[in-house]
Amino acid sequence: MKYVLLATQIEKNLLLPKKLNMKILGIGNAIVDVICKVDDSFIEQNNLTKSTMKLFFDENEFKSLLKNLKIEKTVSGGSVANSIVGISQLGDKVGFIGKISDDQFGSNYEAGLKKEKVEFFYSKKKEELPTGTCLILVTPDSERTMCTFLGTAGKINENDVSSEAIKKSEIIFLEGYLWDEGDPKKAFDKAINNANKVAMSLSDLFCVDRHKPHFLNLVKNKLDITFANEQEITSLIDANNFNEVVNFSKQLNKLIIITRGEKGAVAINGNAVVESGIQKNLNIVDLTGAGDLFAAGFLHGYINKLSTKDCLEKGTEMSSKVIQQIGARL
């Protein structure tokens, strides 16, 4: 009996409901988004590159950046978590795995997911590092520049990932932000090896350039569905133009979804290429979460067996809504 009890405790820090049958399980960085409006000079003075994400490894350096700013909004975030909340809002049964600490931000994070009817498969405890935080700087042109202190989110390991939850989900959805050498990679590998179907967002040009050979291997050999914007996938394969991206994607015989800004979005699966336009005359105030909510809309359509064109249009509808408000949650 003692050994049976021990076996049930191997995947520690996990909370599993008795019955699992989820459409999509997201695995990503559990990050609290702190949204602030700034002007372009703030970006320049702090040596940031507009529209990209910078990782901070020094908590004090991160805090000093934040101390003189006015906070517009604080939201439970993280790229895949934003997508998962969007899918839940569309009525699908979803879950999320992400590492938090037993602190104020961690408690807020967990409450935020539960409020959105997302099953949270992680039992928080006091960690050495605090719950992760992402400072989102929104400039007057509505572009967002992100400064992220991962905190304990970046320390996710294979023991934090429930193989049972993964096996009982139709699709797992991963983010490029989560991938890193060491423990996060082991968590990633465990998730992929136990999944029925794997989708992933390349997340950011910064991530692609940092992990290019690994991401290319994932896209070619491990993923069933890849989400990327045009800049990310062009860099991934060192393409000279978009035709090269299309030809590369066709050869994979997997589902590749690419957002192209004002040019809309395209889904490529073998020789099938489906395009969708953008919604016009929008009052754009903040591009935060545009890609996350696009993925939410597309995946909602996909798991409910809509046509590829309808999936693209649902993604466009969701992203169009979120960019007309502050923050990455509808």
Protein backbone atom coordinates (compact mmCIF):
# COMPACT_ATOMS: atom_id res chain seq x y z
CA MET A 1 0.00 0.00 0.00
CA LYS A 2 2.84 2.37 0.86
CA TYR A 3 4.34 1.95 -2.63
CA VAL A 4 0.98 2.58 -4.30
CA LEU A 5 0.66 5.83 -2.39
CA LEU A 6 4.18 6.85 -3.37
CA ALA A 7 3.43 6.18 -7.03
CA THR A 8 0.46 8.51 -6.92
CA GLN A 9 2.72 11.29 -5.61
CA ILE A 10 5.45 11.09 -8.26
CA GLU A 11 4.04 13.95 -10.32
CA LYS A 12 4.13 16.36 -7.43
CA ASN A 13 2.66 19.87 -7.37
CA LEU A 14 -0.21 18.83 -9.67
CA LEU A 15 -3.93 19.12 -9.11
CA LEU A 16 -5.94 16.77 -11.34
CA PRO A 17 -9.72 16.57 -11.45
CA LYS A 18 -11.08 13.02 -11.38
CA LYS A 19 -12.23 13.08 -14.99
CA LEU A 20 -10.20 14.64 -17.77
CA ASN A 21 -11.35 15.10 -21.32
CA MET A 22 -10.05 18.44 -22.48
CA LYS A 23 -10.01 19.87 -25.94
CA ILE A 24 -6.78 21.81 -25.46
CA LEU A 25 -4.17 21.90 -22.71
CA GLY A 26 -1.82 24.88 -22.77
CA ILE A 27 1.67 24.64 -21.30
CA GLY A 28 3.51 27.92 -20.96
CA ASN A 29 5.06 30.62 -18.85
CA ALA A 30 2.72 31.75 -16.08
CA ILE A 31 3.36 35.47 -16.23
CA VAL A 32 1.53 38.43 -14.71
CA ASP A 33 1.24 41.18 -17.34
CA VAL A 34 1.85 44.73 -16.09
CA ILE A 35 0.73 47.17 -18.79
CA CYS A 36 2.07 50.73 -18.99
CA LYS A 37 1.85 53.49 -21.60
CA VAL A 38 5.16 55.12 -22.57
CA ASP A 39 6.49 57.33 -25.35
CA ASP A 40 9.16 56.34 -27.85
CA SER A 41 11.89 58.14 -25.91
CA PHE A 42 11.44 55.74 -22.97
CA ILE A 43 12.13 52.81 -25.32
CA GLU A 44 15.28 54.49 -26.65
CA GLN A 45 16.59 55.64 -23.25
CA ASN A 46 16.39 52.11 -21.88
CA ASN A 47 18.07 50.54 -24.91
CA LEU A 48 14.99 48.48 -25.82
CA THR A 49 14.02 47.37 -29.33
CA LYS A 50 10.45 48.32 -30.13
CA SER A 51 7.96 45.47 -30.73
CA THR A 52 10.24 42.76 -29.33
CA MET A 53 10.65 41.01 -26.00
CA LYS A 54 13.71 41.39 -23.76
CA LEU A 55 14.48 38.96 -20.95
CA PHE A 56 15.70 40.37 -17.64
CA PHE A 57 17.70 38.07 -15.39
CA ASP A 58 18.28 40.62 -12.60
CA GLU A 59 15.15 41.22 -10.51
CA ASN A 60 16.45 44.59 -9.24
CA GLU A 61 17.17 45.83 -12.75
CA PHE A 62 13.65 44.84 -13.75
CA LYS A 63 12.12 46.61 -10.73
CA SER A 64 14.08 49.81 -11.44
CA LEU A 65 12.58 49.92 -14.94
CA LEU A 66 9.09 49.67 -13.50
CA LYS A 67 9.39 52.04 -10.53
CA ASN A 68 8.69 55.35 -12.34
CA LEU A 69 5.90 54.09 -14.56
CA LYS A 70 2.15 54.42 -14.13
CA ILE A 71 0.50 50.99 -14.27
CA GLU A 72 -2.58 50.95 -16.52
CA LYS A 73 -3.62 47.36 -15.89
CA THR A 74 -2.41 44.12 -14.28
CA VAL A 75 -3.61 40.82 -15.78
CA SER A 76 -2.77 37.13 -15.47
CA GLY A 77 -0.88 36.59 -18.71
CA GLY A 78 1.63 34.57 -20.64
CA SER A 79 1.23 33.93 -24.35
CA VAL A 80 -0.34 30.47 -24.30
CA ALA A 81 -2.37 31.28 -21.17
CA ASN A 82 -3.91 34.20 -23.10
CA SER A 83 -4.81 31.83 -25.94
CA ILE A 84 -6.26 29.25 -23.54
CA VAL A 85 -8.46 31.87 -21.87
CA GLY A 86 -9.69 32.96 -25.31
CA ILE A 87 -10.59 29.37 -26.21
CA SER A 88 -12.41 28.97 -22.89
CA GLN A 89 -14.39 32.14 -23.60
CA LEU A 90 -15.49 30.54 -26.87
CA GLY A 91 -16.98 27.65 -24.87
CA ASP A 92 -14.37 24.89 -25.14
CA LYS A 93 -13.04 22.82 -22.22
CA VAL A 94 -9.41 23.77 -21.66
CA GLY A 95 -6.61 23.58 -19.11
CA PHE A 96 -3.25 25.17 -18.40
CA ILE A 97 0.05 24.17 -16.80
CA GLY A 98 2.42 26.91 -15.64
CA LYS A 99 4.76 27.35 -12.67
CA ILE A 100 3.94 30.03 -10.09
CA SER A 101 5.07 30.79 -6.55
CA ASP A 102 2.88 31.01 -3.47
CA ASP A 103 2.95 34.81 -3.40
CA GLN A 104 0.46 37.60 -4.10
CA PHE A 105 1.01 37.57 -7.88
CA GLY A 106 0.78 33.76 -7.84
CA SER A 107 -2.55 33.81 -6.00
CA ASN A 108 -3.87 36.47 -8.36
CA TYR A 109 -2.72 34.41 -11.33
CA GLU A 110 -4.50 31.26 -10.20
CA ALA A 111 -7.69 33.17 -9.38
CA GLY A 112 -7.61 34.82 -12.80
CA LEU A 113 -7.56 31.47 -14.60
CA LYS A 114 -10.29 29.94 -12.44
CA LYS A 115 -12.49 32.96 -13.09
CA GLU A 116 -12.17 32.20 -16.81
CA LYS A 117 -13.12 28.51 -16.29
CA VAL A 118 -9.64 27.25 -17.10
CA GLU A 119 -8.48 24.12 -15.21
CA PHE A 120 -5.13 24.97 -13.63
CA PHE A 121 -2.90 21.92 -13.22
CA TYR A 122 -0.37 23.21 -10.75
CA SER A 123 -0.39 23.38 -6.95
CA LYS A 124 1.67 26.41 -5.96
CA LYS A 125 4.22 26.40 -3.18
CA LYS A 126 6.77 28.93 -1.93
CA GLU A 127 9.59 29.09 -4.49
CA GLU A 128 13.01 30.74 -4.35
CA LEU A 129 11.98 33.09 -7.15
CA PRO A 130 8.73 35.09 -7.31
CA THR A 131 5.93 34.57 -9.82
CA GLY A 132 6.99 35.78 -13.28
CA THR A 133 6.17 39.29 -14.49
CA CYS A 134 6.04 40.87 -17.94
CA LEU A 135 6.18 44.65 -18.27
CA ILE A 136 4.29 45.57 -21.45
CA LEU A 137 5.20 49.03 -22.74
CA VAL A 138 2.62 50.42 -25.15
CA THR A 139 3.82 53.29 -27.35
CA PRO A 140 1.52 55.86 -29.08
CA ASP A 141 1.56 53.79 -32.31
CA SER A 142 -0.06 50.90 -30.34
CA GLU A 143 3.04 48.72 -30.65
CA ARG A 144 4.04 46.80 -27.55
CA THR A 145 7.55 46.22 -26.26
CA MET A 146 7.90 43.57 -23.58
CA CYS A 147 10.35 43.29 -20.71
CA THR A 148 10.07 39.94 -18.97
CA PHE A 149 11.37 38.71 -15.65
CA LEU A 150 10.47 35.02 -15.78
CA GLY A 151 10.91 34.39 -12.07
CA THR A 152 9.86 30.88 -11.15
CA ALA A 153 7.97 30.42 -14.46
CA GLY A 154 11.31 29.87 -16.18
CA LYS A 155 12.18 27.07 -13.77
CA ILE A 156 9.43 24.71 -14.95
CA ASN A 157 10.59 21.09 -15.02
CA GLU A 158 9.28 17.69 -16.02
CA ASN A 159 7.82 17.06 -12.54
CA ASP A 160 5.58 20.10 -13.05
CA VAL A 161 4.03 18.59 -16.19
CA SER A 162 1.25 16.03 -15.81
CA SER A 163 1.46 13.25 -18.42
CA GLU A 164 -2.06 12.21 -17.40
CA ALA A 165 -3.49 15.63 -18.23
CA ILE A 166 -1.58 15.65 -21.53
CA LYS A 167 -2.76 12.20 -22.60
CA LYS A 168 -6.38 13.12 -21.93
CA SER A 169 -6.24 16.29 -24.04
CA GLU A 170 -6.92 16.34 -27.77
CA ILE A 171 -4.19 18.92 -28.40
CA ILE A 172 -1.43 20.45 -26.31
CA PHE A 173 -0.43 24.02 -27.11
CA LEU A 174 3.13 25.14 -26.34
CA GLU A 175 4.90 28.49 -26.62
CA GLY A 176 8.38 29.26 -27.89
CA TYR A 177 8.88 31.53 -24.88
CA LEU A 178 8.91 28.44 -22.65
CA TRP A 179 11.65 26.56 -24.49
CA ASP A 180 15.10 26.74 -22.99
CA GLU A 181 17.99 24.39 -22.30
CA GLY A 182 17.88 22.35 -19.10
CA ASP A 183 14.71 21.76 -17.10
CA PRO A 184 12.30 23.65 -19.42
CA LYS A 185 13.47 21.54 -22.38
CA LYS A 186 12.85 18.35 -20.35
CA ALA A 187 9.34 19.60 -19.56
CA PHE A 188 8.82 20.36 -23.26
CA ASP A 189 10.04 16.90 -24.31
CA LYS A 190 7.82 15.15 -21.77
CA ALA A 191 4.80 17.09 -23.01
CA ILE A 192 5.48 16.33 -26.68
CA ASN A 193 6.21 12.64 -26.04
CA ASN A 194 2.87 12.14 -24.24
CA ALA A 195 0.68 14.27 -26.50
CA ASN A 196 -1.97 13.16 -28.98
CA LYS A 197 -1.34 16.24 -31.13
CA VAL A 198 1.07 19.15 -30.64
CA ALA A 199 0.60 22.80 -31.57
CA MET A 200 3.14 25.53 -30.84
CA SER A 201 3.61 29.24 -31.34
CA LEU A 202 7.11 30.43 -32.26
CA SER A 203 6.24 33.38 -29.99
CA ASP A 204 8.78 36.05 -30.90
CA LEU A 205 11.65 36.82 -33.28
CA PHE A 206 13.91 36.93 -30.21
CA CYS A 207 13.02 33.30 -29.41
CA VAL A 208 13.50 32.16 -33.00
CA ASP A 209 16.93 33.75 -33.33
CA ARG A 210 18.01 32.42 -29.93
CA HIS A 211 16.92 28.83 -30.55
CA LYS A 212 16.88 28.58 -34.35
CA PRO A 213 18.24 25.02 -34.86
CA HIS A 214 16.02 23.64 -32.08
CA PHE A 215 12.89 25.41 -33.34
CA LEU A 216 13.57 24.27 -36.90
CA ASN A 217 13.80 20.68 -35.66
CA LEU A 218 10.52 21.07 -33.76
CA VAL A 219 8.69 22.51 -36.77
CA LYS A 220 10.03 19.83 -39.12
CA ASN A 221 9.79 16.77 -36.89
CA LYS A 222 7.76 17.26 -33.69
CA LEU A 223 4.88 19.69 -34.24
CA ASP A 224 1.55 19.02 -35.94
CA ILE A 225 0.53 22.70 -35.98
CA THR A 226 2.84 25.73 -35.99
CA PHE A 227 1.78 29.35 -35.45
CA ALA A 228 4.16 32.12 -36.53
CA ASN A 229 4.16 35.62 -37.90
CA GLU A 230 5.86 36.33 -41.20
CA GLN A 231 8.97 37.81 -39.58
CA GLU A 232 9.48 34.79 -37.30
CA ILE A 233 9.16 32.07 -39.92
CA THR A 234 11.20 34.03 -42.47
CA SER A 235 14.04 34.20 -39.94
CA LEU A 236 13.60 30.55 -38.94
CA ILE A 237 14.42 29.28 -42.43
CA ASP A 238 16.59 32.27 -43.51
CA ALA A 239 14.18 32.96 -46.38
CA ASN A 240 14.66 35.83 -48.82
CA ASN A 241 10.96 36.25 -49.59
CA PHE A 242 7.53 34.89 -48.69
CA ASN A 243 7.44 32.48 -51.64
CA GLU A 244 10.33 30.61 -50.04
CA VAL A 245 8.31 30.40 -46.81
CA VAL A 246 5.32 28.96 -48.70
CA ASN A 247 7.47 26.38 -50.52
CA PHE A 248 9.15 25.34 -47.27
CA SER A 249 5.76 24.96 -45.56
CA LYS A 250 4.29 22.91 -48.41
CA GLN A 251 7.09 20.36 -48.18
CA LEU A 252 6.40 19.70 -44.48
CA ASN A 253 2.88 18.32 -45.01
CA LYS A 254 1.93 19.79 -41.64
CA LEU A 255 -0.35 22.67 -40.72
CA ILE A 256 1.53 26.00 -40.73
CA ILE A 257 -0.41 29.16 -39.87
CA ILE A 258 1.25 32.49 -40.60
CA THR A 259 -0.04 35.95 -39.69
CA ARG A 260 1.10 38.72 -42.04
CA GLY A 261 -0.10 41.96 -40.45
CA GLU A 262 -2.05 44.06 -42.98
CA LYS A 263 -1.77 41.21 -45.51
CA GLY A 264 -3.96 38.98 -43.38
CA ALA A 265 -3.16 35.36 -42.58
CA VAL A 266 -2.43 32.16 -44.46
CA ALA A 267 -2.71 28.47 -43.57
CA ILE A 268 -0.55 25.97 -45.46
CA ASN A 269 -1.01 22.21 -45.29
CA GLY A 270 0.79 20.32 -48.03
CA ASN A 271 -0.23 21.89 -51.34
CA ALA A 272 -3.35 23.45 -49.82
CA VAL A 273 -2.83 27.20 -49.26
CA VAL A 274 -5.75 29.14 -47.74
CA GLU A 275 -5.67 32.90 -47.21
CA SER A 276 -7.79 35.30 -45.18
CA GLY A 277 -7.87 39.10 -45.08
CA ILE A 278 -7.98 41.51 -42.14
CA GLN A 279 -10.91 43.38 -40.63
CA LYS A 280 -10.80 47.05 -41.57
CA ASN A 281 -11.65 50.37 -39.87
CA LEU A 282 -10.65 49.15 -36.42
CA ASN A 283 -9.87 51.49 -33.53
CA ILE A 284 -6.48 49.96 -32.67
CA VAL A 285 -5.24 50.89 -29.20
CA ASP A 286 -2.90 48.04 -28.19
CA LEU A 287 -1.50 45.14 -30.23
CA THR A 288 -0.77 43.08 -27.10
CA GLY A 289 -2.26 39.62 -27.45
CA ALA A 290 -3.12 39.89 -31.16
CA GLY A 291 -1.22 36.70 -32.00
CA ASP A 292 -2.41 34.93 -28.86
CA LEU A 293 -6.07 35.57 -29.59
CA PHE A 294 -5.61 34.76 -33.28
CA ALA A 295 -4.34 31.32 -32.20
CA ALA A 296 -7.31 30.98 -29.83
CA GLY A 297 -9.81 31.64 -32.59
CA PHE A 298 -8.06 29.34 -35.05
CA LEU A 299 -7.73 26.46 -32.56
CA HIS A 300 -11.38 26.83 -31.53
CA GLY A 301 -12.35 26.43 -35.17
CA TYR A 302 -9.94 23.53 -35.64
CA ILE A 303 -11.17 21.42 -32.70
CA ASN A 304 -14.77 22.09 -33.73
CA LYS A 305 -13.97 20.91 -37.26
CA LEU A 306 -14.60 24.18 -39.09
CA SER A 307 -13.06 24.71 -42.54
CA THR A 308 -9.53 26.13 -42.66
CA LYS A 309 -10.93 29.38 -44.09
CA ASP A 310 -13.41 29.65 -41.20
CA CYS A 311 -10.61 28.89 -38.70
CA LEU A 312 -8.54 31.77 -40.13
CA GLU A 313 -11.53 34.10 -40.01
CA LYS A 314 -12.31 33.15 -36.40
CA GLY A 315 -8.70 33.89 -35.53
CA THR A 316 -8.92 37.25 -37.28
CA GLU A 317 -12.17 38.05 -35.48
CA MET A 318 -10.64 37.35 -32.06
CA SER A 319 -7.42 39.29 -32.73
CA SER A 320 -9.44 42.22 -34.12
CA LYS A 321 -11.39 42.42 -30.87
CA VAL A 322 -8.39 42.33 -28.56
CA ILE A 323 -6.38 45.06 -30.34
CA GLN A 324 -9.23 47.52 -29.79
CA GLN A 325 -8.70 47.41 -26.03
CA ILE A 326 -5.83 47.55 -23.51
CA GLY A 327 -4.41 44.16 -22.60
CA ALA A 328 -4.38 40.61 -24.00
CA ARG A 329 -7.65 39.32 -22.56
CA LEU A 330 -11.19 39.87 -23.85
